[in-house]
């Protein structure tokens, strides 16, 4: 049996979690630079993921606000 070459493109990352926005921005820039033909696809996928995460946060905030309003106005 002939050995088969395995080629793997990876990016090893260490993030400073005290600077999450700056660090993630650098990682995204590095990924896009390595995949210029897929730049639009990558950014659209990130846009969807970020939008979904923000929608979940918004829904939770609205639920928390509703719970606070329901409990603060009741008279026992």
N, C-alpha and C. Protein backbone atom coordinates (compact mmCIF):
# COMPACT_ATOMS: atom_id res chain seq x y z
N UNK A 1 0.83 -1.17 0.00
CA UNK A 1 0.00 0.00 0.00
C UNK A 1 0.88 1.25 0.00
N UNK A 2 0.52 2.19 -0.82
CA UNK A 2 1.27 3.43 -0.94
C UNK A 2 0.86 4.42 0.15
N UNK A 3 1.80 5.11 0.78
CA UNK A 3 1.41 6.13 1.76
C UNK A 3 0.72 7.30 1.06
N UNK A 4 -0.29 7.82 1.70
CA UNK A 4 -1.04 8.94 1.14
C UNK A 4 -0.66 10.20 1.92
N UNK A 5 -0.32 11.23 1.18
CA UNK A 5 0.03 12.50 1.82
C UNK A 5 -1.21 13.10 2.46
N UNK A 6 -1.05 13.57 3.67
CA UNK A 6 -2.14 14.25 4.36
C UNK A 6 -1.74 15.70 4.56
N UNK A 7 -2.50 16.57 3.96
CA UNK A 7 -2.21 17.99 4.07
C UNK A 7 -3.33 18.62 4.89
N UNK A 8 -2.93 19.34 5.92
CA UNK A 8 -3.90 19.92 6.82
C UNK A 8 -3.54 21.38 7.07
N UNK A 9 -4.48 22.25 6.77
CA UNK A 9 -4.26 23.67 7.05
C UNK A 9 -4.89 23.99 8.39
N UNK A 10 -4.07 24.44 9.32
CA UNK A 10 -4.60 24.77 10.64
C UNK A 10 -4.05 26.12 11.08
N UNK A 11 -4.76 26.70 11.99
CA UNK A 11 -4.34 27.95 12.60
C UNK A 11 -4.41 27.73 14.10
N UNK A 12 -3.25 27.69 14.73
CA UNK A 12 -3.21 27.54 16.18
C UNK A 12 -3.38 28.92 16.79
N UNK A 13 -4.31 29.02 17.71
CA UNK A 13 -4.69 30.32 18.24
C UNK A 13 -4.62 30.32 19.76
N UNK A 14 -4.08 31.39 20.28
CA UNK A 14 -4.16 31.68 21.71
C UNK A 14 -4.79 33.05 21.81
N UNK A 15 -5.87 33.15 22.58
CA UNK A 15 -6.59 34.42 22.71
C UNK A 15 -6.38 35.01 24.09
N UNK A 16 -6.23 36.32 24.12
CA UNK A 16 -6.21 37.06 25.37
C UNK A 16 -7.67 37.40 25.66
N UNK A 17 -8.27 36.67 26.60
CA UNK A 17 -9.70 36.84 26.87
C UNK A 17 -10.04 38.16 27.57
N UNK A 18 -9.01 38.93 27.91
CA UNK A 18 -9.29 40.27 28.45
C UNK A 18 -9.53 41.26 27.31
N UNK A 19 -9.25 40.84 26.06
CA UNK A 19 -9.46 41.68 24.87
C UNK A 19 -10.21 40.87 23.81
N UNK A 20 -11.40 40.37 24.10
CA UNK A 20 -12.05 39.43 23.19
C UNK A 20 -12.38 40.00 21.81
N UNK A 21 -12.84 41.22 21.75
CA UNK A 21 -13.22 41.79 20.44
C UNK A 21 -11.99 41.94 19.55
N UNK A 22 -10.94 42.52 20.08
CA UNK A 22 -9.73 42.73 19.29
C UNK A 22 -9.13 41.39 18.85
N UNK A 23 -9.09 40.45 19.77
CA UNK A 23 -8.50 39.14 19.47
C UNK A 23 -9.31 38.39 18.41
N UNK A 24 -10.62 38.37 18.57
CA UNK A 24 -11.47 37.68 17.59
C UNK A 24 -11.40 38.36 16.23
N UNK A 25 -11.32 39.67 16.22
CA UNK A 25 -11.19 40.40 14.96
C UNK A 25 -9.91 40.00 14.24
N UNK A 26 -8.83 39.85 14.98
CA UNK A 26 -7.56 39.42 14.38
C UNK A 26 -7.67 38.01 13.81
N UNK A 27 -8.34 37.12 14.54
CA UNK A 27 -8.50 35.75 14.06
C UNK A 27 -9.34 35.73 12.79
N UNK A 28 -10.44 36.46 12.78
CA UNK A 28 -11.29 36.51 11.59
C UNK A 28 -10.50 37.05 10.41
N UNK A 29 -9.73 38.10 10.64
CA UNK A 29 -8.90 38.67 9.56
C UNK A 29 -7.91 37.64 9.02
N UNK A 30 -7.31 36.87 9.91
CA UNK A 30 -6.34 35.85 9.49
C UNK A 30 -7.02 34.76 8.67
N UNK A 31 -8.19 34.34 9.09
CA UNK A 31 -8.91 33.29 8.35
C UNK A 31 -9.31 33.80 6.98
N UNK A 32 -9.82 35.01 6.92
CA UNK A 32 -10.24 35.58 5.63
C UNK A 32 -9.04 35.75 4.70
N UNK A 33 -7.92 36.18 5.26
CA UNK A 33 -6.71 36.35 4.44
C UNK A 33 -6.25 35.02 3.85
N UNK A 34 -6.49 33.93 4.58
CA UNK A 34 -6.07 32.61 4.09
C UNK A 34 -7.06 32.01 3.10
N UNK A 35 -8.26 32.58 3.04
CA UNK A 35 -9.32 32.05 2.18
C UNK A 35 -9.97 33.19 1.38
N UNK A 36 -9.23 33.92 0.58
CA UNK A 36 -9.81 35.09 -0.09
C UNK A 36 -10.99 34.76 -1.00
N UNK A 37 -10.99 33.60 -1.61
CA UNK A 37 -12.09 33.24 -2.50
C UNK A 37 -13.38 32.94 -1.72
N UNK A 38 -13.26 32.62 -0.44
CA UNK A 38 -14.43 32.28 0.38
C UNK A 38 -14.79 33.39 1.36
N UNK A 39 -14.19 34.57 1.18
CA UNK A 39 -14.38 35.69 2.11
C UNK A 39 -15.85 36.00 2.35
N UNK A 40 -16.61 36.13 1.27
CA UNK A 40 -18.03 36.46 1.40
C UNK A 40 -18.78 35.36 2.14
N UNK A 41 -18.53 34.12 1.81
CA UNK A 41 -19.18 32.98 2.46
C UNK A 41 -18.86 32.94 3.96
N UNK A 42 -17.60 33.17 4.29
CA UNK A 42 -17.18 33.16 5.70
C UNK A 42 -17.87 34.28 6.46
N UNK A 43 -17.86 35.48 5.90
CA UNK A 43 -18.47 36.62 6.58
C UNK A 43 -19.99 36.47 6.71
N UNK A 44 -20.64 35.91 5.68
CA UNK A 44 -22.09 35.67 5.79
C UNK A 44 -22.38 34.66 6.89
N UNK A 45 -21.58 33.60 6.98
CA UNK A 45 -21.77 32.60 8.03
C UNK A 45 -21.58 33.20 9.41
N UNK A 46 -20.57 34.05 9.56
CA UNK A 46 -20.36 34.74 10.83
C UNK A 46 -21.50 35.68 11.14
N UNK A 47 -22.00 36.37 10.13
CA UNK A 47 -23.11 37.30 10.32
C UNK A 47 -24.34 36.56 10.85
N UNK A 48 -24.62 35.40 10.28
CA UNK A 48 -25.76 34.59 10.73
C UNK A 48 -25.54 34.12 12.16
N UNK A 49 -24.34 33.63 12.46
CA UNK A 49 -24.05 33.13 13.81
C UNK A 49 -24.15 34.25 14.84
N UNK A 50 -23.61 35.42 14.53
CA UNK A 50 -23.67 36.55 15.45
C UNK A 50 -25.12 37.03 15.59
N UNK A 51 -25.84 37.10 14.49
CA UNK A 51 -27.25 37.50 14.55
C UNK A 51 -28.08 36.56 15.40
N UNK A 52 -27.84 35.26 15.28
CA UNK A 52 -28.57 34.28 16.10
C UNK A 52 -28.23 34.45 17.57
N UNK A 53 -26.97 34.66 17.87
CA UNK A 53 -26.55 34.85 19.27
C UNK A 53 -27.18 36.11 19.85
N UNK A 54 -27.19 37.18 19.08
CA UNK A 54 -27.80 38.43 19.55
C UNK A 54 -29.31 38.27 19.73
N UNK A 55 -29.95 37.53 18.84
CA UNK A 55 -31.39 37.29 18.97
C UNK A 55 -31.70 36.51 20.24
N UNK A 56 -30.87 35.53 20.57
CA UNK A 56 -31.06 34.77 21.81
C UNK A 56 -30.91 35.67 23.03
N UNK A 57 -29.91 36.54 23.01
CA UNK A 57 -29.71 37.47 24.12
C UNK A 57 -30.89 38.42 24.24
N UNK A 58 -31.37 38.93 23.12
CA UNK A 58 -32.52 39.84 23.12
C UNK A 58 -33.76 39.14 23.67
N UNK A 59 -34.00 37.90 23.25
CA UNK A 59 -35.16 37.15 23.73
C UNK A 59 -35.06 36.92 25.23
N UNK A 60 -33.86 36.60 25.72
CA UNK A 60 -33.67 36.39 27.15
C UNK A 60 -33.87 37.69 27.91
N UNK A 61 -33.36 38.79 27.38
CA UNK A 61 -33.54 40.10 28.02
C UNK A 61 -35.03 40.45 28.12
N UNK A 62 -35.77 40.19 27.03
CA UNK A 62 -37.20 40.48 27.03
C UNK A 62 -37.94 39.60 28.03
N UNK A 63 -37.54 38.33 28.12
CA UNK A 63 -38.15 37.42 29.08
C UNK A 63 -37.86 37.87 30.51
N UNK A 64 -36.62 38.27 30.76
CA UNK A 64 -36.24 38.75 32.09
C UNK A 64 -37.02 40.01 32.45
N UNK A 65 -37.18 40.91 31.48
CA UNK A 65 -37.91 42.15 31.72
C UNK A 65 -39.39 41.85 32.01
N UNK A 66 -39.95 40.91 31.28
CA UNK A 66 -41.36 40.53 31.49
C UNK A 66 -41.52 39.94 32.89
N UNK A 67 -40.59 39.08 33.28
CA UNK A 67 -40.64 38.47 34.61
C UNK A 67 -40.54 39.55 35.69
N UNK A 68 -39.63 40.50 35.50
CA UNK A 68 -39.48 41.59 36.47
C UNK A 68 -40.75 42.42 36.56
N UNK A 69 -41.35 42.73 35.42
CA UNK A 69 -42.58 43.54 35.40
C UNK A 69 -43.75 42.80 36.04
N UNK A 70 -43.86 41.50 35.78
CA UNK A 70 -44.96 40.70 36.34
C UNK A 70 -44.85 40.60 37.85
N UNK A 71 -43.64 40.44 38.35
CA UNK A 71 -43.47 40.25 39.79
C UNK A 71 -43.50 41.56 40.57
N UNK A 72 -43.12 42.66 39.95
CA UNK A 72 -43.05 43.93 40.69
C UNK A 72 -44.41 44.62 40.81
N UNK A 73 -45.37 44.29 39.96
CA UNK A 73 -46.64 44.99 40.00
C UNK A 73 -47.75 44.27 40.69
N UNK A 74 -47.49 43.08 41.20
CA UNK A 74 -48.55 42.29 41.82
C UNK A 74 -48.75 42.68 43.28
N UNK A 75 -49.99 42.67 43.68
CA UNK A 75 -50.34 42.94 45.07
C UNK A 75 -50.90 41.64 45.63
N UNK A 76 -50.37 41.21 46.75
CA UNK A 76 -50.82 39.95 47.35
C UNK A 76 -51.85 40.19 48.40
